[in-house]
Amino acid sequence: MRLAKERAKLKAQQQAERLALKVAKEKQRQEEKKAREAAKAAKLAAREAARLAEIEANRKPVAPPKPPIIKGVMQDGITPTKEFNIEFLMSQRELLIAERRNLLGQADQLENEANAIVENSEMGDVQFDDEGGEGDTMVVERERDLTLSASARQTVEEIDEALKRLETGDYGYSSRSGLPIPRERLKAIPWTTELVVERAGGIGSY
């Protein structure tokens, strides 16, 4: 009788251990399943985030609409606006014309000097020694003169565009944002078309 009870007790204990082991395995299986589902969801979310980031990166930024320019009646070939009256614009035109004249003179002088260097070298006035010191210096000076001349003529083209904007009533406004450029900046660079803060790396109030 006592032996039968001990066997029954041992059997019950073994069944309980098997049941506990089975429950533990099932719990582990469920946890592994949840982990796999979570990893899958995280992977899908990362892939979707990368796709949206790529779409956003390739999307061209939409510039805000430029504010309208309130223009007045043309006077003496100049169209005044709400922000810039005729007196200021006339003084700006004088600055532009004077700067244009100076730059053209500089460009012509630099080109003449560059041509003179070529003529002198062709006539034998420039001596080329074995190390080429004098000749190299002349080449560098000529290239510098031509570069400065080209830069001056480029600025003349920008001045011509500014003179056209004086006629149309668009002078003094940023080509990027359409906002009025401070008068201090326009006086310093009469042909400018942007605010300092709009320049790459630019800081300041104008």
C-alpha atoms as a PDB file:
ATOM      1  CA  MET A   1       0.000   0.000   0.000  1.00  0.00           C
ATOM      2  CA  ARG A   2       2.711   2.404   0.964  1.00  0.00           C
ATOM      3  CA  LEU A   3       4.772   1.443  -2.103  1.00  0.00           C
ATOM      4  CA  ALA A   4       1.789   2.111  -4.376  1.00  0.00           C
ATOM      5  CA  LYS A   5       1.368   5.582  -2.883  1.00  0.00           C
ATOM      6  CA  GLU A   6       5.030   6.411  -3.415  1.00  0.00           C
ATOM      7  CA  ARG A   7       4.846   5.231  -7.022  1.00  0.00           C
ATOM      8  CA  ALA A   8       1.728   7.328  -7.597  1.00  0.00           C
ATOM      9  CA  LYS A   9       3.428  10.324  -6.001  1.00  0.00           C
ATOM     10  CA  LEU A  10       6.545   9.859  -8.176  1.00  0.00           C
ATOM     11  CA  LYS A  11       4.382   9.493 -11.266  1.00  0.00           C
ATOM     12  CA  ALA A  12       2.481  12.656 -10.428  1.00  0.00           C
ATOM     13  CA  GLN A  13       5.760  14.496  -9.835  1.00  0.00           C
ATOM     14  CA  GLN A  14       7.118  13.335 -13.185  1.00  0.00           C
ATOM     15  CA  GLN A  15       3.919  14.422 -14.946  1.00  0.00           C
ATOM     16  CA  ALA A  16       4.136  17.805 -13.253  1.00  0.00           C
ATOM     17  CA  GLU A  17       7.765  18.201 -14.365  1.00  0.00           C
ATOM     18  CA  ARG A  18       6.877  17.228 -17.938  1.00  0.00           C
ATOM     19  CA  LEU A  19       3.971  19.684 -17.901  1.00  0.00           C
ATOM     20  CA  ALA A  20       6.209  22.439 -16.528  1.00  0.00           C
ATOM     21  CA  LEU A  21       8.823  21.679 -19.171  1.00  0.00           C
ATOM     22  CA  LYS A  22       6.155  21.740 -21.861  1.00  0.00           C
ATOM     23  CA  VAL A  23       4.810  25.075 -20.588  1.00  0.00           C
ATOM     24  CA  ALA A  24       8.340  26.512 -20.481  1.00  0.00           C
ATOM     25  CA  LYS A  25       9.054  25.377 -24.049  1.00  0.00           C
ATOM     26  CA  GLU A  26       5.764  26.849 -25.258  1.00  0.00           C
ATOM     27  CA  LYS A  27       6.522  30.111 -23.506  1.00  0.00           C
ATOM     28  CA  GLN A  28       9.984  30.211 -25.072  1.00  0.00           C
ATOM     29  CA  ARG A  29       8.485  29.468 -28.505  1.00  0.00           C
ATOM     30  CA  GLN A  30       5.965  32.289 -28.117  1.00  0.00           C
ATOM     31  CA  GLU A  31       8.694  34.701 -27.032  1.00  0.00           C
ATOM     32  CA  GLU A  32      10.882  33.737 -30.001  1.00  0.00           C
ATOM     33  CA  LYS A  33       7.907  34.193 -32.304  1.00  0.00           C
ATOM     34  CA  LYS A  34       7.209  37.654 -30.888  1.00  0.00           C
ATOM     35  CA  ALA A  35      10.900  38.557 -31.252  1.00  0.00           C
ATOM     36  CA  ARG A  36      10.884  37.479 -34.910  1.00  0.00           C
ATOM     37  CA  GLU A  37       7.703  39.470 -35.587  1.00  0.00           C
ATOM     38  CA  ALA A  38       9.152  42.539 -33.840  1.00  0.00           C
ATOM     39  CA  ALA A  39      12.384  42.272 -35.848  1.00  0.00           C
ATOM     40  CA  LYS A  40      10.386  41.903 -39.058  1.00  0.00           C
ATOM     41  CA  ALA A  41       8.243  44.928 -38.190  1.00  0.00           C
ATOM     42  CA  ALA A  42      11.350  46.980 -37.338  1.00  0.00           C
ATOM     43  CA  LYS A  43      12.964  46.010 -40.637  1.00  0.00           C
ATOM     44  CA  LEU A  44       9.845  46.994 -42.588  1.00  0.00           C
ATOM     45  CA  ALA A  45       9.636  50.282 -40.680  1.00  0.00           C
ATOM     46  CA  ALA A  46      13.303  51.053 -41.397  1.00  0.00           C
ATOM     47  CA  ARG A  47      12.833  50.242 -45.068  1.00  0.00           C
ATOM     48  CA  GLU A  48       9.767  52.499 -45.265  1.00  0.00           C
ATOM     49  CA  ALA A  49      11.597  55.300 -43.437  1.00  0.00           C
ATOM     50  CA  ALA A  50      14.511  55.016 -45.874  1.00  0.00           C
ATOM     51  CA  ARG A  51      12.118  55.123 -48.821  1.00  0.00           C
ATOM     52  CA  LEU A  52      10.366  58.225 -47.482  1.00  0.00           C
ATOM     53  CA  ALA A  53      13.729  59.867 -46.730  1.00  0.00           C
ATOM     54  CA  GLU A  54      14.864  59.232 -50.312  1.00  0.00           C
ATOM     55  CA  ILE A  55      11.634  60.690 -51.681  1.00  0.00           C
ATOM     56  CA  GLU A  56      12.036  63.741 -49.448  1.00  0.00           C
ATOM     57  CA  ALA A  57      15.684  64.174 -50.444  1.00  0.00           C
ATOM     58  CA  ASN A  58      14.845  64.082 -54.149  1.00  0.00           C
ATOM     59  CA  ARG A  59      11.904  66.426 -53.797  1.00  0.00           C
ATOM     60  CA  LYS A  60      12.690  69.883 -55.133  1.00  0.00           C
ATOM     61  CA  PRO A  61      12.058  72.594 -52.548  1.00  0.00           C
ATOM     62  CA  VAL A  62       9.208  74.869 -53.466  1.00  0.00           C
ATOM     63  CA  ALA A  63      10.235  78.472 -53.104  1.00  0.00           C
ATOM     64  CA  PRO A  64       7.674  80.698 -51.409  1.00  0.00           C
ATOM     65  CA  PRO A  65       5.947  83.123 -53.765  1.00  0.00           C
ATOM     66  CA  LYS A  66       7.712  86.450 -54.146  1.00  0.00           C
ATOM     67  CA  PRO A  67       5.838  89.442 -52.737  1.00  0.00           C
ATOM     68  CA  PRO A  68       4.434  91.743 -55.412  1.00  0.00           C
ATOM     69  CA  ILE A  69       6.333  94.908 -56.267  1.00  0.00           C
ATOM     70  CA  ILE A  70       4.169  98.006 -56.084  1.00  0.00           C
ATOM     71  CA  LYS A  71       5.382 100.150 -58.989  1.00  0.00           C
ATOM     72  CA  GLY A  72       4.793 103.772 -59.804  1.00  0.00           C
ATOM     73  CA  VAL A  73       4.798 105.692 -63.071  1.00  0.00           C
ATOM     74  CA  MET A  74       8.025 105.757 -65.081  1.00  0.00           C
ATOM     75  CA  GLN A  75       9.931 109.030 -64.902  1.00  0.00           C
ATOM     76  CA  ASP A  76      13.004 109.814 -66.992  1.00  0.00           C
ATOM     77  CA  GLY A  77      13.451 106.151 -67.888  1.00  0.00           C
ATOM     78  CA  ILE A  78      13.138 104.965 -64.270  1.00  0.00           C
ATOM     79  CA  THR A  79      10.179 103.200 -62.669  1.00  0.00           C
ATOM     80  CA  PRO A  80       9.921 104.016 -58.932  1.00  0.00           C
ATOM     81  CA  THR A  81       8.443 101.565 -56.417  1.00  0.00           C
ATOM     82  CA  LYS A  82       6.943 101.652 -52.956  1.00  0.00           C
ATOM     83  CA  GLU A  83      10.299 100.949 -51.301  1.00  0.00           C
ATOM     84  CA  PHE A  84      12.528 103.003 -53.634  1.00  0.00           C
ATOM     85  CA  ASN A  85      11.566 106.522 -54.686  1.00  0.00           C
ATOM     86  CA  ILE A  86      12.678 108.264 -57.860  1.00  0.00           C
ATOM     87  CA  GLU A  87      15.372 110.346 -56.139  1.00  0.00           C
ATOM     88  CA  PHE A  88      17.140 107.298 -54.722  1.00  0.00           C
ATOM     89  CA  LEU A  89      16.894 105.385 -57.991  1.00  0.00           C
ATOM     90  CA  MET A  90      18.284 108.312 -59.993  1.00  0.00           C
ATOM     91  CA  SER A  91      21.297 108.488 -57.680  1.00  0.00           C
ATOM     92  CA  GLN A  92      21.752 104.733 -58.099  1.00  0.00           C
ATOM     93  CA  ARG A  93      21.688 105.089 -61.874  1.00  0.00           C
ATOM     94  CA  GLU A  94      24.445 107.689 -61.656  1.00  0.00           C
ATOM     95  CA  LEU A  95      26.520 105.299 -59.518  1.00  0.00           C
ATOM     96  CA  LEU A  96      25.964 102.462 -61.985  1.00  0.00           C
ATOM     97  CA  ILE A  97      26.914 104.542 -65.008  1.00  0.00           C
ATOM     98  CA  ALA A  98      30.042 105.902 -63.306  1.00  0.00           C
ATOM     99  CA  GLU A  99      31.124 102.424 -62.195  1.00  0.00           C
ATOM    100  CA  ARG A 100      30.444 101.061 -65.669  1.00  0.00           C
ATOM    101  CA  ARG A 101      32.674 103.706 -67.219  1.00  0.00           C
ATOM    102  CA  ASN A 102      35.484 102.995 -64.733  1.00  0.00           C
ATOM    103  CA  LEU A 103      35.307  99.238 -65.227  1.00  0.00           C
ATOM    104  CA  LEU A 104      35.366  99.496 -69.011  1.00  0.00           C
ATOM    105  CA  GLY A 105      38.421 101.721 -68.757  1.00  0.00           C
ATOM    106  CA  GLN A 106      40.124  99.232 -66.477  1.00  0.00           C
ATOM    107  CA  ALA A 107      39.255  96.308 -68.754  1.00  0.00           C
ATOM    108  CA  ASP A 108      40.643  98.099 -71.835  1.00  0.00           C
ATOM    109  CA  GLN A 109      43.827  99.087 -70.006  1.00  0.00           C
ATOM    110  CA  LEU A 110      44.417  95.545 -68.716  1.00  0.00           C
ATOM    111  CA  GLU A 111      43.883  94.063 -72.166  1.00  0.00           C
ATOM    112  CA  ASN A 112      46.282  96.591 -73.699  1.00  0.00           C
ATOM    113  CA  GLU A 113      48.915  95.697 -71.118  1.00  0.00           C
ATOM    114  CA  ALA A 114      48.429  91.990 -71.815  1.00  0.00           C
ATOM    115  CA  ASN A 115      48.764  92.570 -75.557  1.00  0.00           C
ATOM    116  CA  ALA A 116      51.876  94.697 -74.992  1.00  0.00           C
ATOM    117  CA  ILE A 117      53.487  91.800 -73.133  1.00  0.00           C
ATOM    118  CA  VAL A 118      52.886  89.549 -76.143  1.00  0.00           C
ATOM    119  CA  GLU A 119      54.232  92.152 -78.578  1.00  0.00           C
ATOM    120  CA  ASN A 120      57.360  92.723 -76.491  1.00  0.00           C
ATOM    121  CA  SER A 121      58.066  89.018 -76.274  1.00  0.00           C
ATOM    122  CA  GLU A 122      57.647  88.623 -80.034  1.00  0.00           C
ATOM    123  CA  MET A 123      60.072  91.528 -80.642  1.00  0.00           C
ATOM    124  CA  GLY A 124      62.656  89.874 -78.422  1.00  0.00           C
ATOM    125  CA  ASP A 125      62.492  92.371 -75.590  1.00  0.00           C
ATOM    126  CA  VAL A 126      61.831  89.553 -73.115  1.00  0.00           C
ATOM    127  CA  GLN A 127      64.882  87.380 -72.520  1.00  0.00           C
ATOM    128  CA  PHE A 128      64.244  83.714 -71.827  1.00  0.00           C
ATOM    129  CA  ASP A 129      67.147  82.234 -69.900  1.00  0.00           C
ATOM    130  CA  ASP A 130      67.678  78.561 -69.180  1.00  0.00           C
ATOM    131  CA  GLU A 131      65.524  78.692 -66.074  1.00  0.00           C
ATOM    132  CA  GLY A 132      62.845  80.772 -67.772  1.00  0.00           C
ATOM    133  CA  GLY A 133      62.467  83.211 -64.895  1.00  0.00           C
ATOM    134  CA  GLU A 134      61.705  86.401 -66.822  1.00  0.00           C
ATOM    135  CA  GLY A 135      59.521  84.666 -69.382  1.00  0.00           C
ATOM    136  CA  ASP A 136      57.489  82.862 -66.725  1.00  0.00           C
ATOM    137  CA  THR A 137      56.894  86.133 -64.907  1.00  0.00           C
ATOM    138  CA  MET A 138      55.585  87.759 -68.083  1.00  0.00           C
ATOM    139  CA  VAL A 139      53.202  84.849 -68.705  1.00  0.00           C
ATOM    140  CA  VAL A 140      51.851  85.098 -65.173  1.00  0.00           C
ATOM    141  CA  GLU A 141      51.366  88.864 -65.468  1.00  0.00           C
ATOM    142  CA  ARG A 142      49.597  88.488 -68.799  1.00  0.00           C
ATOM    143  CA  GLU A 143      47.226  85.827 -67.442  1.00  0.00           C
ATOM    144  CA  ARG A 144      46.519  87.991 -64.416  1.00  0.00           C
ATOM    145  CA  ASP A 145      45.712  91.021 -66.578  1.00  0.00           C
ATOM    146  CA  LEU A 146      43.386  88.993 -68.790  1.00  0.00           C
ATOM    147  CA  THR A 147      41.619  87.480 -65.766  1.00  0.00           C
ATOM    148  CA  LEU A 148      41.084  90.877 -64.166  1.00  0.00           C
ATOM    149  CA  SER A 149      39.852  92.280 -67.468  1.00  0.00           C
ATOM    150  CA  ALA A 150      37.337  89.455 -67.870  1.00  0.00           C
ATOM    151  CA  SER A 151      36.120  89.987 -64.303  1.00  0.00           C
ATOM    152  CA  ALA A 152      35.621  93.707 -64.963  1.00  0.00           C
ATOM    153  CA  ARG A 153      33.619  93.010 -68.114  1.00  0.00           C
ATOM    154  CA  GLN A 154      31.489  90.479 -66.227  1.00  0.00           C
ATOM    155  CA  THR A 155      30.629  93.171 -63.693  1.00  0.00           C
ATOM    156  CA  VAL A 156      29.772  95.535 -66.566  1.00  0.00           C
ATOM    157  CA  GLU A 157      27.237  92.960 -67.775  1.00  0.00           C
ATOM    158  CA  GLU A 158      25.716  92.852 -64.282  1.00  0.00           C
ATOM    159  CA  ILE A 159      25.547  96.660 -64.273  1.00  0.00           C
ATOM    160  CA  ASP A 160      23.747  96.627 -67.623  1.00  0.00           C
ATOM    161  CA  GLU A 161      21.179  94.233 -66.134  1.00  0.00           C
ATOM    162  CA  ALA A 162      20.747  96.564 -63.154  1.00  0.00           C
ATOM    163  CA  LEU A 163      20.127  99.510 -65.501  1.00  0.00           C
ATOM    164  CA  LYS A 164      17.406  97.485 -67.204  1.00  0.00           C
ATOM    165  CA  ARG A 165      15.810  96.733 -63.834  1.00  0.00           C
ATOM    166  CA  LEU A 166      15.713 100.460 -63.123  1.00  0.00           C
ATOM    167  CA  GLU A 167      13.551 100.850 -66.211  1.00  0.00           C
ATOM    168  CA  THR A 168      11.199  97.976 -65.419  1.00  0.00           C
ATOM    169  CA  GLY A 169      10.782  98.759 -61.718  1.00  0.00           C
ATOM    170  CA  ASP A 170      12.477  95.577 -60.500  1.00  0.00           C
ATOM    171  CA  TYR A 171      15.648  97.260 -59.240  1.00  0.00           C
ATOM    172  CA  GLY A 172      16.556  96.811 -55.585  1.00  0.00           C
ATOM    173  CA  TYR A 173      14.708  93.556 -55.003  1.00  0.00           C
ATOM    174  CA  SER A 174      16.276  90.158 -54.349  1.00  0.00           C
ATOM    175  CA  SER A 175      16.187  87.828 -57.329  1.00  0.00           C
ATOM    176  CA  ARG A 176      15.748  84.949 -54.868  1.00  0.00           C
ATOM    177  CA  SER A 177      13.139  86.057 -52.360  1.00  0.00           C
ATOM    178  CA  GLY A 178      11.779  89.211 -53.959  1.00  0.00           C
ATOM    179  CA  LEU A 179      12.413  91.122 -50.731  1.00  0.00           C
ATOM    180  CA  PRO A 180      13.787  94.664 -50.924  1.00  0.00           C
ATOM    181  CA  ILE A 181      17.549  94.934 -50.504  1.00  0.00           C
ATOM    182  CA  PRO A 182      18.623  97.494 -47.844  1.00  0.00           C
ATOM    183  CA  ARG A 183      19.732 100.796 -49.322  1.00  0.00           C
ATOM    184  CA  GLU A 184      23.116 100.592 -47.579  1.00  0.00           C
ATOM    185  CA  ARG A 185      23.930  97.439 -49.548  1.00  0.00           C
ATOM    186  CA  LEU A 186      22.657  98.923 -52.806  1.00  0.00           C
ATOM    187  CA  LYS A 187      24.839 101.990 -52.302  1.00  0.00           C
ATOM    188  CA  ALA A 188      27.874  99.770 -51.666  1.00  0.00           C
ATOM    189  CA  ILE A 189      27.169  97.368 -54.567  1.00  0.00           C
ATOM    190  CA  PRO A 190      24.625  99.083 -56.877  1.00  0.00           C
ATOM    191  CA  TRP A 191      24.285  96.026 -59.151  1.00  0.00           C
ATOM    192  CA  THR A 192      23.664  93.459 -56.393  1.00  0.00           C
ATOM    193  CA  THR A 193      20.673  91.133 -56.733  1.00  0.00           C
ATOM    194  CA  GLU A 194      20.582  89.430 -53.333  1.00  0.00           C
ATOM    195  CA  LEU A 195      20.591  89.992 -49.598  1.00  0.00           C
ATOM    196  CA  VAL A 196      23.747  89.169 -47.673  1.00  0.00           C
ATOM    197  CA  VAL A 197      21.881  86.478 -45.689  1.00  0.00           C
ATOM    198  CA  GLU A 198      20.988  84.809 -48.985  1.00  0.00           C
ATOM    199  CA  ARG A 199      24.613  84.434 -50.011  1.00  0.00           C
ATOM    200  CA  ALA A 200      26.436  81.192 -49.289  1.00  0.00           C
ATOM    201  CA  GLY A 201      27.894  81.636 -45.837  1.00  0.00           C
ATOM    202  CA  GLY A 202      26.752  85.254 -45.720  1.00  0.00           C
ATOM    203  CA  ILE A 203      25.841  86.852 -42.423  1.00  0.00           C
ATOM    204  CA  GLY A 204      24.742  90.289 -41.442  1.00  0.00           C
ATOM    205  CA  SER A 205      21.736  92.514 -41.860  1.00  0.00           C
ATOM    206  CA  TYR A 206      22.299  93.625 -45.447  1.00  0.00           C
END
